Amino acid sequence: MARRTISIEEKIQKQEQVVAKAKEKYEAASAELNKLLKELKDINNKKLLDAVASSDKSYEEILTFLNRKNEE
């Protein structure tokens, strides 16, 4: 039984297909990660706004506190 040899062009074409599939998978995973990170950021922003709204401190007092911490 004779073996068929695969040309370098065929090997390149197959590898290009493998890379293309991996790229599609990476892009989908990356998009999902970005979506989840945005969702987490939105949740954290809402928590922060709720904390500010329920605080007995004024907006200016909160900003002063936050800015003071950043300057240290």
N, C-alpha and C. Protein backbone atom coordinates (compact mmCIF):
# COMPACT_ATOMS: atom_id res chain seq x y z
N MET A 1 0.86 -1.17 0.00
CA MET A 1 0.00 0.00 0.00
C MET A 1 0.91 1.24 0.00
N ALA A 2 0.71 2.08 -0.95
CA ALA A 2 1.55 3.27 -1.09
C ALA A 2 0.98 4.40 -0.23
N ARG A 3 1.88 5.09 0.41
CA ARG A 3 1.47 6.22 1.23
C ARG A 3 1.47 7.47 0.37
N ARG A 4 0.49 8.29 0.60
CA ARG A 4 0.40 9.56 -0.12
C ARG A 4 1.19 10.58 0.68
N THR A 5 2.10 11.24 0.07
CA THR A 5 2.85 12.28 0.77
C THR A 5 2.07 13.59 0.70
N ILE A 6 2.13 14.31 1.79
CA ILE A 6 1.41 15.58 1.86
C ILE A 6 2.40 16.69 1.54
N SER A 7 2.02 17.51 0.58
CA SER A 7 2.91 18.60 0.18
C SER A 7 2.96 19.67 1.25
N ILE A 8 4.01 20.46 1.20
CA ILE A 8 4.16 21.54 2.16
C ILE A 8 3.01 22.54 2.04
N GLU A 9 2.51 22.75 0.83
CA GLU A 9 1.39 23.67 0.62
C GLU A 9 0.14 23.17 1.33
N GLU A 10 -0.09 21.86 1.28
CA GLU A 10 -1.25 21.28 1.97
C GLU A 10 -1.09 21.40 3.49
N LYS A 11 0.12 21.19 3.98
CA LYS A 11 0.38 21.32 5.41
C LYS A 11 0.14 22.76 5.86
N ILE A 12 0.60 23.70 5.04
CA ILE A 12 0.40 25.11 5.35
C ILE A 12 -1.08 25.44 5.37
N GLN A 13 -1.82 24.97 4.40
CA GLN A 13 -3.26 25.23 4.31
C GLN A 13 -3.98 24.66 5.54
N LYS A 14 -3.64 23.45 5.93
CA LYS A 14 -4.27 22.85 7.11
C LYS A 14 -3.94 23.65 8.37
N GLN A 15 -2.69 24.08 8.50
CA GLN A 15 -2.29 24.83 9.68
C GLN A 15 -2.97 26.20 9.71
N GLU A 16 -3.16 26.81 8.55
CA GLU A 16 -3.89 28.08 8.49
C GLU A 16 -5.31 27.91 9.00
N GLN A 17 -5.93 26.79 8.67
CA GLN A 17 -7.28 26.51 9.15
C GLN A 17 -7.29 26.33 10.67
N VAL A 18 -6.30 25.65 11.20
CA VAL A 18 -6.19 25.47 12.65
C VAL A 18 -6.04 26.82 13.34
N VAL A 19 -5.19 27.67 12.79
CA VAL A 19 -4.97 28.99 13.37
C VAL A 19 -6.23 29.83 13.29
N ALA A 20 -6.94 29.77 12.17
CA ALA A 20 -8.17 30.55 12.00
C ALA A 20 -9.21 30.12 13.04
N LYS A 21 -9.34 28.83 13.27
CA LYS A 21 -10.29 28.35 14.28
C LYS A 21 -9.89 28.79 15.68
N ALA A 22 -8.60 28.73 15.96
CA ALA A 22 -8.11 29.15 17.28
C ALA A 22 -8.35 30.65 17.47
N LYS A 23 -8.17 31.42 16.40
CA LYS A 23 -8.39 32.86 16.48
C LYS A 23 -9.86 33.15 16.76
N GLU A 24 -10.76 32.47 16.08
CA GLU A 24 -12.20 32.65 16.32
C GLU A 24 -12.55 32.32 17.77
N LYS A 25 -11.99 31.23 18.28
CA LYS A 25 -12.27 30.82 19.65
C LYS A 25 -11.72 31.87 20.63
N TYR A 26 -10.52 32.36 20.38
CA TYR A 26 -9.92 33.39 21.23
C TYR A 26 -10.77 34.65 21.23
N GLU A 27 -11.19 35.09 20.05
CA GLU A 27 -11.98 36.31 19.95
C GLU A 27 -13.31 36.18 20.68
N ALA A 28 -13.94 35.01 20.59
CA ALA A 28 -15.19 34.79 21.30
C ALA A 28 -14.97 34.81 22.81
N ALA A 29 -13.90 34.17 23.26
CA ALA A 29 -13.59 34.14 24.70
C ALA A 29 -13.24 35.54 25.18
N SER A 30 -12.52 36.28 24.39
CA SER A 30 -12.14 37.64 24.75
C SER A 30 -13.37 38.55 24.84
N ALA A 31 -14.29 38.40 23.91
CA ALA A 31 -15.52 39.19 23.93
C ALA A 31 -16.34 38.86 25.18
N GLU A 32 -16.41 37.60 25.53
CA GLU A 32 -17.15 37.19 26.74
C GLU A 32 -16.50 37.77 27.98
N LEU A 33 -15.17 37.73 28.05
CA LEU A 33 -14.45 38.31 29.18
C LEU A 33 -14.73 39.80 29.29
N ASN A 34 -14.66 40.51 28.20
CA ASN A 34 -14.94 41.96 28.22
C ASN A 34 -16.36 42.25 28.66
N LYS A 35 -17.30 41.42 28.23
CA LYS A 35 -18.70 41.58 28.65
C LYS A 35 -18.84 41.39 30.16
N LEU A 36 -18.18 40.38 30.69
CA LEU A 36 -18.25 40.11 32.12
C LEU A 36 -17.56 41.20 32.93
N LEU A 37 -16.43 41.70 32.44
CA LEU A 37 -15.74 42.79 33.14
C LEU A 37 -16.59 44.05 33.17
N LYS A 38 -17.28 44.34 32.07
CA LYS A 38 -18.17 45.50 32.02
C LYS A 38 -19.32 45.32 33.00
N GLU A 39 -19.86 44.11 33.05
CA GLU A 39 -20.95 43.81 33.99
C GLU A 39 -20.49 44.01 35.43
N LEU A 40 -19.29 43.55 35.76
CA LEU A 40 -18.75 43.72 37.11
C LEU A 40 -18.55 45.20 37.42
N LYS A 41 -18.04 45.94 36.47
CA LYS A 41 -17.84 47.37 36.66
C LYS A 41 -19.17 48.08 36.91
N ASP A 42 -20.19 47.71 36.16
CA ASP A 42 -21.52 48.30 36.35
C ASP A 42 -22.07 47.98 37.74
N ILE A 43 -21.88 46.75 38.19
CA ILE A 43 -22.34 46.35 39.53
C ILE A 43 -21.61 47.16 40.60
N ASN A 44 -20.29 47.27 40.45
CA ASN A 44 -19.50 48.03 41.43
C ASN A 44 -19.88 49.51 41.42
N ASN A 45 -20.14 50.07 40.25
CA ASN A 45 -20.57 51.47 40.17
C ASN A 45 -21.91 51.67 40.88
N LYS A 46 -22.82 50.72 40.69
CA LYS A 46 -24.12 50.83 41.35
C LYS A 46 -23.97 50.75 42.87
N LYS A 47 -23.12 49.83 43.34
CA LYS A 47 -22.87 49.72 44.78
C LYS A 47 -22.29 51.02 45.34
N LEU A 48 -21.37 51.60 44.59
CA LEU A 48 -20.76 52.85 45.04
C LEU A 48 -21.79 53.97 45.10
N LEU A 49 -22.61 54.08 44.07
CA LEU A 49 -23.65 55.12 44.06
C LEU A 49 -24.65 54.90 45.19
N ASP A 50 -25.02 53.65 45.45
CA ASP A 50 -25.93 53.35 46.56
C ASP A 50 -25.31 53.73 47.90
N ALA A 51 -24.00 53.45 48.05
CA ALA A 51 -23.32 53.80 49.30
C ALA A 51 -23.26 55.31 49.48
N VAL A 52 -23.01 56.04 48.42
CA VAL A 52 -22.96 57.50 48.51
C VAL A 52 -24.36 58.04 48.84
N ALA A 53 -25.37 57.49 48.19
CA ALA A 53 -26.74 57.96 48.41
C ALA A 53 -27.21 57.70 49.84
N SER A 54 -26.78 56.60 50.42
CA SER A 54 -27.24 56.27 51.77
C SER A 54 -26.32 56.82 52.86
N SER A 55 -25.24 57.45 52.47
CA SER A 55 -24.28 57.99 53.44
C SER A 55 -24.80 59.28 54.07
N ASP A 56 -24.36 59.53 55.30
CA ASP A 56 -24.72 60.79 55.94
C ASP A 56 -23.71 61.89 55.60
N LYS A 57 -22.70 61.55 54.81
CA LYS A 57 -21.70 62.52 54.38
C LYS A 57 -22.17 63.23 53.12
N SER A 58 -21.73 64.46 52.96
CA SER A 58 -22.09 65.20 51.75
C SER A 58 -21.20 64.73 50.59
N TYR A 59 -21.63 65.08 49.42
CA TYR A 59 -20.89 64.75 48.21
C TYR A 59 -19.48 65.33 48.28
N GLU A 60 -19.37 66.57 48.72
CA GLU A 60 -18.08 67.24 48.83
C GLU A 60 -17.18 66.55 49.85
N GLU A 61 -17.76 66.10 50.97
CA GLU A 61 -16.97 65.40 51.98
C GLU A 61 -16.42 64.08 51.43
N ILE A 62 -17.24 63.40 50.68
CA ILE A 62 -16.80 62.12 50.09
C ILE A 62 -15.69 62.36 49.08
N LEU A 63 -15.85 63.36 48.23
CA LEU A 63 -14.80 63.67 47.26
C LEU A 63 -13.51 64.08 47.94
N THR A 64 -13.62 64.89 48.98
CA THR A 64 -12.42 65.30 49.72
C THR A 64 -11.73 64.09 50.31
N PHE A 65 -12.49 63.20 50.89
CA PHE A 65 -11.93 61.97 51.46
C PHE A 65 -11.22 61.14 50.40
N LEU A 66 -11.87 60.94 49.28
CA LEU A 66 -11.28 60.13 48.21
C LEU A 66 -10.04 60.79 47.63
N ASN A 67 -10.06 62.07 47.45
CA ASN A 67 -8.90 62.77 46.90
C ASN A 67 -7.74 62.77 47.88
N ARG A 68 -8.02 62.87 49.15
CA ARG A 68 -6.98 62.86 50.17
C ARG A 68 -6.28 61.50 50.17
N LYS A 69 -7.04 60.45 50.04
CA LYS A 69 -6.46 59.10 50.01
C LYS A 69 -5.57 58.93 48.77
N ASN A 70 -5.95 59.50 47.65
CA ASN A 70 -5.16 59.40 46.42
C ASN A 70 -3.86 60.19 46.50
N GLU A 71 -3.85 61.25 47.26
CA GLU A 71 -2.67 62.11 47.36
C GLU A 71 -1.62 61.53 48.29
N GLU A 72 -2.01 60.65 49.17
CA GLU A 72 -1.06 60.07 50.14
C GLU A 72 -0.15 59.05 49.53
